[in-house]
N, C-alpha and C. Protein backbone atom coordinates (compact mmCIF):
# COMPACT_ATOMS: atom_id res chain seq x y z
N MET A 1 -39.71 -13.53 -11.67
CA MET A 1 -39.08 -13.99 -13.03
C MET A 1 -39.29 -12.74 -13.75
N LEU A 2 -38.31 -12.30 -14.42
CA LEU A 2 -38.16 -11.32 -15.52
C LEU A 2 -38.91 -11.54 -17.01
N VAL A 3 -40.12 -10.99 -17.09
CA VAL A 3 -40.89 -11.50 -18.52
C VAL A 3 -40.72 -10.37 -19.38
N ALA A 4 -40.77 -9.18 -18.93
CA ALA A 4 -41.11 -7.93 -19.68
C ALA A 4 -39.97 -7.65 -20.46
N PRO A 5 -40.16 -7.52 -22.04
CA PRO A 5 -39.12 -7.18 -22.98
C PRO A 5 -38.17 -6.21 -22.31
N GLY A 6 -36.68 -6.36 -22.51
CA GLY A 6 -35.83 -5.49 -22.04
C GLY A 6 -35.49 -5.31 -20.68
N SER A 7 -36.38 -5.95 -19.73
CA SER A 7 -36.25 -6.06 -18.29
C SER A 7 -34.73 -6.68 -17.83
N LEU A 8 -34.43 -7.69 -18.44
CA LEU A 8 -33.38 -8.21 -18.08
C LEU A 8 -32.03 -7.51 -18.47
N ASN A 9 -32.09 -7.10 -19.63
CA ASN A 9 -31.08 -5.76 -20.10
C ASN A 9 -30.95 -4.71 -19.28
N GLY A 10 -31.95 -4.21 -18.78
CA GLY A 10 -31.79 -2.92 -18.03
C GLY A 10 -31.17 -3.30 -16.69
N LEU A 11 -31.57 -4.55 -16.36
CA LEU A 11 -31.11 -5.06 -14.78
C LEU A 11 -29.37 -5.18 -14.95
N LEU A 12 -29.23 -5.91 -16.03
CA LEU A 12 -27.79 -6.05 -16.22
C LEU A 12 -27.03 -4.85 -16.45
N GLN A 13 -27.47 -3.92 -16.98
CA GLN A 13 -26.83 -2.65 -17.37
C GLN A 13 -26.73 -1.98 -16.10
N SER A 14 -27.79 -1.92 -15.24
CA SER A 14 -27.77 -1.36 -13.81
C SER A 14 -26.64 -2.04 -13.11
N LEU A 15 -26.57 -3.15 -13.06
CA LEU A 15 -25.35 -4.08 -12.22
C LEU A 15 -24.11 -3.87 -12.76
N ALA A 16 -23.98 -3.62 -14.01
CA ALA A 16 -22.54 -3.44 -14.61
C ALA A 16 -21.95 -2.18 -14.17
N LYS A 17 -22.64 -1.11 -13.68
CA LYS A 17 -22.17 -0.05 -12.99
C LYS A 17 -21.14 -0.43 -12.00
N PHE A 18 -21.29 -1.35 -11.40
CA PHE A 18 -20.41 -1.80 -10.21
C PHE A 18 -19.36 -2.71 -10.42
N SER A 19 -19.12 -3.02 -12.00
CA SER A 19 -18.11 -3.69 -12.29
C SER A 19 -17.13 -3.07 -13.30
N GLU A 20 -16.01 -2.87 -13.00
CA GLU A 20 -14.98 -2.04 -13.71
C GLU A 20 -14.84 -2.95 -15.07
N LYS A 21 -14.79 -4.24 -14.97
CA LYS A 21 -14.48 -4.81 -16.30
C LYS A 21 -15.58 -5.05 -17.15
N LEU A 22 -16.64 -4.94 -16.59
CA LEU A 22 -17.89 -4.79 -17.63
C LEU A 22 -18.13 -3.48 -18.21
N ARG A 23 -17.74 -2.31 -17.43
CA ARG A 23 -17.69 -1.12 -18.18
C ARG A 23 -16.76 -0.90 -19.33
N VAL A 24 -15.59 -1.68 -19.20
CA VAL A 24 -14.67 -1.72 -20.34
C VAL A 24 -15.09 -2.21 -21.37
N VAL A 25 -15.76 -3.39 -21.33
CA VAL A 25 -16.16 -4.26 -22.11
C VAL A 25 -17.32 -3.61 -22.98
N GLU A 26 -18.14 -3.03 -22.21
CA GLU A 26 -19.37 -2.12 -22.79
C GLU A 26 -18.86 -0.97 -23.69
N ALA A 27 -17.83 -0.09 -23.10
CA ALA A 27 -17.11 0.98 -23.95
C ALA A 27 -16.64 0.34 -25.24
N VAL A 28 -15.95 -0.68 -24.97
CA VAL A 28 -15.33 -1.32 -26.34
C VAL A 28 -16.48 -1.79 -27.45
N ARG A 29 -17.50 -2.31 -26.78
CA ARG A 29 -18.66 -2.74 -27.65
C ARG A 29 -19.42 -1.59 -28.30
N ILE A 30 -19.65 -0.43 -27.49
CA ILE A 30 -20.27 0.66 -27.94
C ILE A 30 -19.44 1.53 -28.98
N HIS A 31 -18.22 2.07 -28.34
CA HIS A 31 -17.29 2.99 -29.24
C HIS A 31 -16.13 2.23 -30.07
N GLY A 32 -16.09 0.99 -29.82
CA GLY A 32 -15.07 0.24 -30.93
C GLY A 32 -13.78 0.60 -30.34
N ILE A 33 -13.50 0.71 -29.07
CA ILE A 33 -12.26 1.07 -28.64
C ILE A 33 -11.19 -0.08 -28.92
N ALA A 34 -9.99 0.07 -29.31
CA ALA A 34 -9.05 -1.12 -29.38
C ALA A 34 -7.95 -0.78 -28.81
N THR A 35 -7.06 -1.83 -28.23
CA THR A 35 -6.01 -1.72 -27.77
C THR A 35 -4.63 -1.83 -28.80
N ARG A 36 -3.59 -1.09 -28.39
CA ARG A 36 -2.45 -1.56 -29.27
C ARG A 36 -1.67 -2.45 -28.67
N SER A 37 -1.60 -2.23 -27.31
CA SER A 37 -0.80 -3.01 -26.43
C SER A 37 -1.13 -3.11 -25.12
N SER A 38 -0.69 -3.91 -24.12
CA SER A 38 -0.99 -4.00 -22.71
C SER A 38 0.15 -4.44 -21.95
N LYS A 39 0.18 -3.99 -20.84
CA LYS A 39 1.40 -4.21 -19.79
C LYS A 39 0.74 -4.84 -18.66
N VAL A 40 1.66 -5.74 -18.00
CA VAL A 40 0.98 -6.41 -16.69
C VAL A 40 1.92 -5.57 -15.51
N TRP A 41 1.15 -4.98 -14.80
CA TRP A 41 1.69 -4.42 -13.52
C TRP A 41 1.75 -5.13 -12.14
N GLU A 42 2.97 -5.81 -12.07
CA GLU A 42 3.11 -6.59 -10.89
C GLU A 42 3.01 -5.85 -9.52
N PRO A 43 2.61 -6.32 -8.51
CA PRO A 43 2.67 -5.77 -7.10
C PRO A 43 4.01 -5.40 -6.97
N ALA A 44 5.00 -6.00 -7.11
CA ALA A 44 6.45 -5.56 -6.83
C ALA A 44 6.80 -4.30 -7.52
N LEU A 45 6.53 -4.12 -8.55
CA LEU A 45 6.73 -2.89 -9.44
C LEU A 45 5.81 -1.75 -9.09
N ILE A 46 4.69 -1.92 -8.68
CA ILE A 46 3.92 -0.76 -8.08
C ILE A 46 4.43 -0.49 -6.80
N PHE A 47 4.63 -1.41 -5.94
CA PHE A 47 5.38 -1.03 -4.79
C PHE A 47 6.61 -0.14 -4.77
N ASP A 48 7.32 -0.71 -5.67
CA ASP A 48 8.86 -0.05 -5.99
C ASP A 48 8.57 1.50 -6.56
N ARG A 49 7.57 1.72 -7.26
CA ARG A 49 7.43 3.09 -7.81
C ARG A 49 6.86 4.00 -6.67
N LEU A 50 5.80 3.34 -5.99
CA LEU A 50 5.35 4.27 -4.64
C LEU A 50 6.46 4.40 -3.86
N TRP A 51 7.43 3.66 -3.50
CA TRP A 51 8.24 3.47 -2.47
C TRP A 51 9.30 4.74 -2.96
N GLU A 52 9.71 4.77 -4.05
CA GLU A 52 10.66 5.92 -4.59
C GLU A 52 9.95 7.16 -4.85
N ASN A 53 8.98 7.08 -5.30
CA ASN A 53 7.98 8.41 -5.41
C ASN A 53 7.84 9.12 -4.05
N GLN A 54 7.60 8.43 -2.93
CA GLN A 54 7.33 9.00 -1.85
C GLN A 54 8.59 9.30 -0.92
N GLY A 55 9.65 9.16 -1.55
CA GLY A 55 11.15 9.39 -1.05
C GLY A 55 11.27 8.64 0.36
N LEU A 56 10.98 7.49 0.07
CA LEU A 56 11.12 6.47 1.42
C LEU A 56 12.55 6.23 1.64
N PRO A 57 13.33 5.84 0.80
CA PRO A 57 14.74 5.31 0.82
C PRO A 57 15.51 6.75 1.50
N GLU A 58 15.32 7.79 1.19
CA GLU A 58 15.95 9.07 1.80
C GLU A 58 15.50 9.15 3.22
N VAL A 59 14.20 9.10 3.47
CA VAL A 59 13.75 8.99 4.82
C VAL A 59 14.21 8.09 5.78
N ILE A 60 14.49 6.83 5.24
CA ILE A 60 15.26 5.87 6.13
C ILE A 60 16.52 6.02 6.33
N ARG A 61 17.12 6.64 5.33
CA ARG A 61 18.65 7.00 5.55
C ARG A 61 18.63 8.00 6.74
N ARG A 62 17.95 9.16 6.58
CA ARG A 62 17.92 10.06 7.59
C ARG A 62 17.62 9.62 9.02
N LEU A 63 16.71 8.86 9.00
CA LEU A 63 16.23 8.35 10.27
C LEU A 63 17.41 7.29 10.88
N ALA A 64 17.91 6.53 10.08
CA ALA A 64 19.14 5.72 10.40
C ALA A 64 20.19 6.45 10.86
N HIS A 65 20.54 7.67 10.07
CA HIS A 65 21.66 8.49 10.43
C HIS A 65 21.50 9.12 11.97
N HIS A 66 20.28 9.51 12.30
CA HIS A 66 20.05 10.32 13.33
C HIS A 66 19.91 9.07 14.51
N LYS A 67 19.62 8.01 14.16
CA LYS A 67 19.51 6.98 15.43
C LYS A 67 21.11 6.67 15.75
N ILE A 68 21.93 6.49 14.54
CA ILE A 68 23.43 5.94 14.89
C ILE A 68 23.96 7.22 15.69
N ALA A 69 23.73 8.48 15.13
CA ALA A 69 24.51 9.70 15.75
C ALA A 69 24.00 9.78 17.17
N GLY A 70 22.79 9.28 17.47
CA GLY A 70 22.33 9.48 19.07
C GLY A 70 22.98 8.43 19.71
N LEU A 71 23.51 7.36 19.31
CA LEU A 71 24.15 6.21 19.90
C LEU A 71 25.84 6.63 20.18
N ASN A 72 26.17 7.80 19.54
CA ASN A 72 27.56 8.15 19.71
C ASN A 72 28.47 7.11 19.16
N ILE A 73 28.27 6.37 18.13
CA ILE A 73 29.22 5.39 17.69
C ILE A 73 30.26 6.07 16.89
């Protein structure tokens, strides 16, 4: 049992290092950070951006072209 003054707070602060959400909450509490807006990033949007940024559509087109050319169609 934690009975010494501040022991529980110290433990919680140590554990908060492993939580992204708690770090944000703590930063807001200490620094008074406020947001103006927020956006929801859905998996489909993120996947689409990664797909395009990596040039995957062009890679697939080239591979398909080489595959079709190799079949002499």
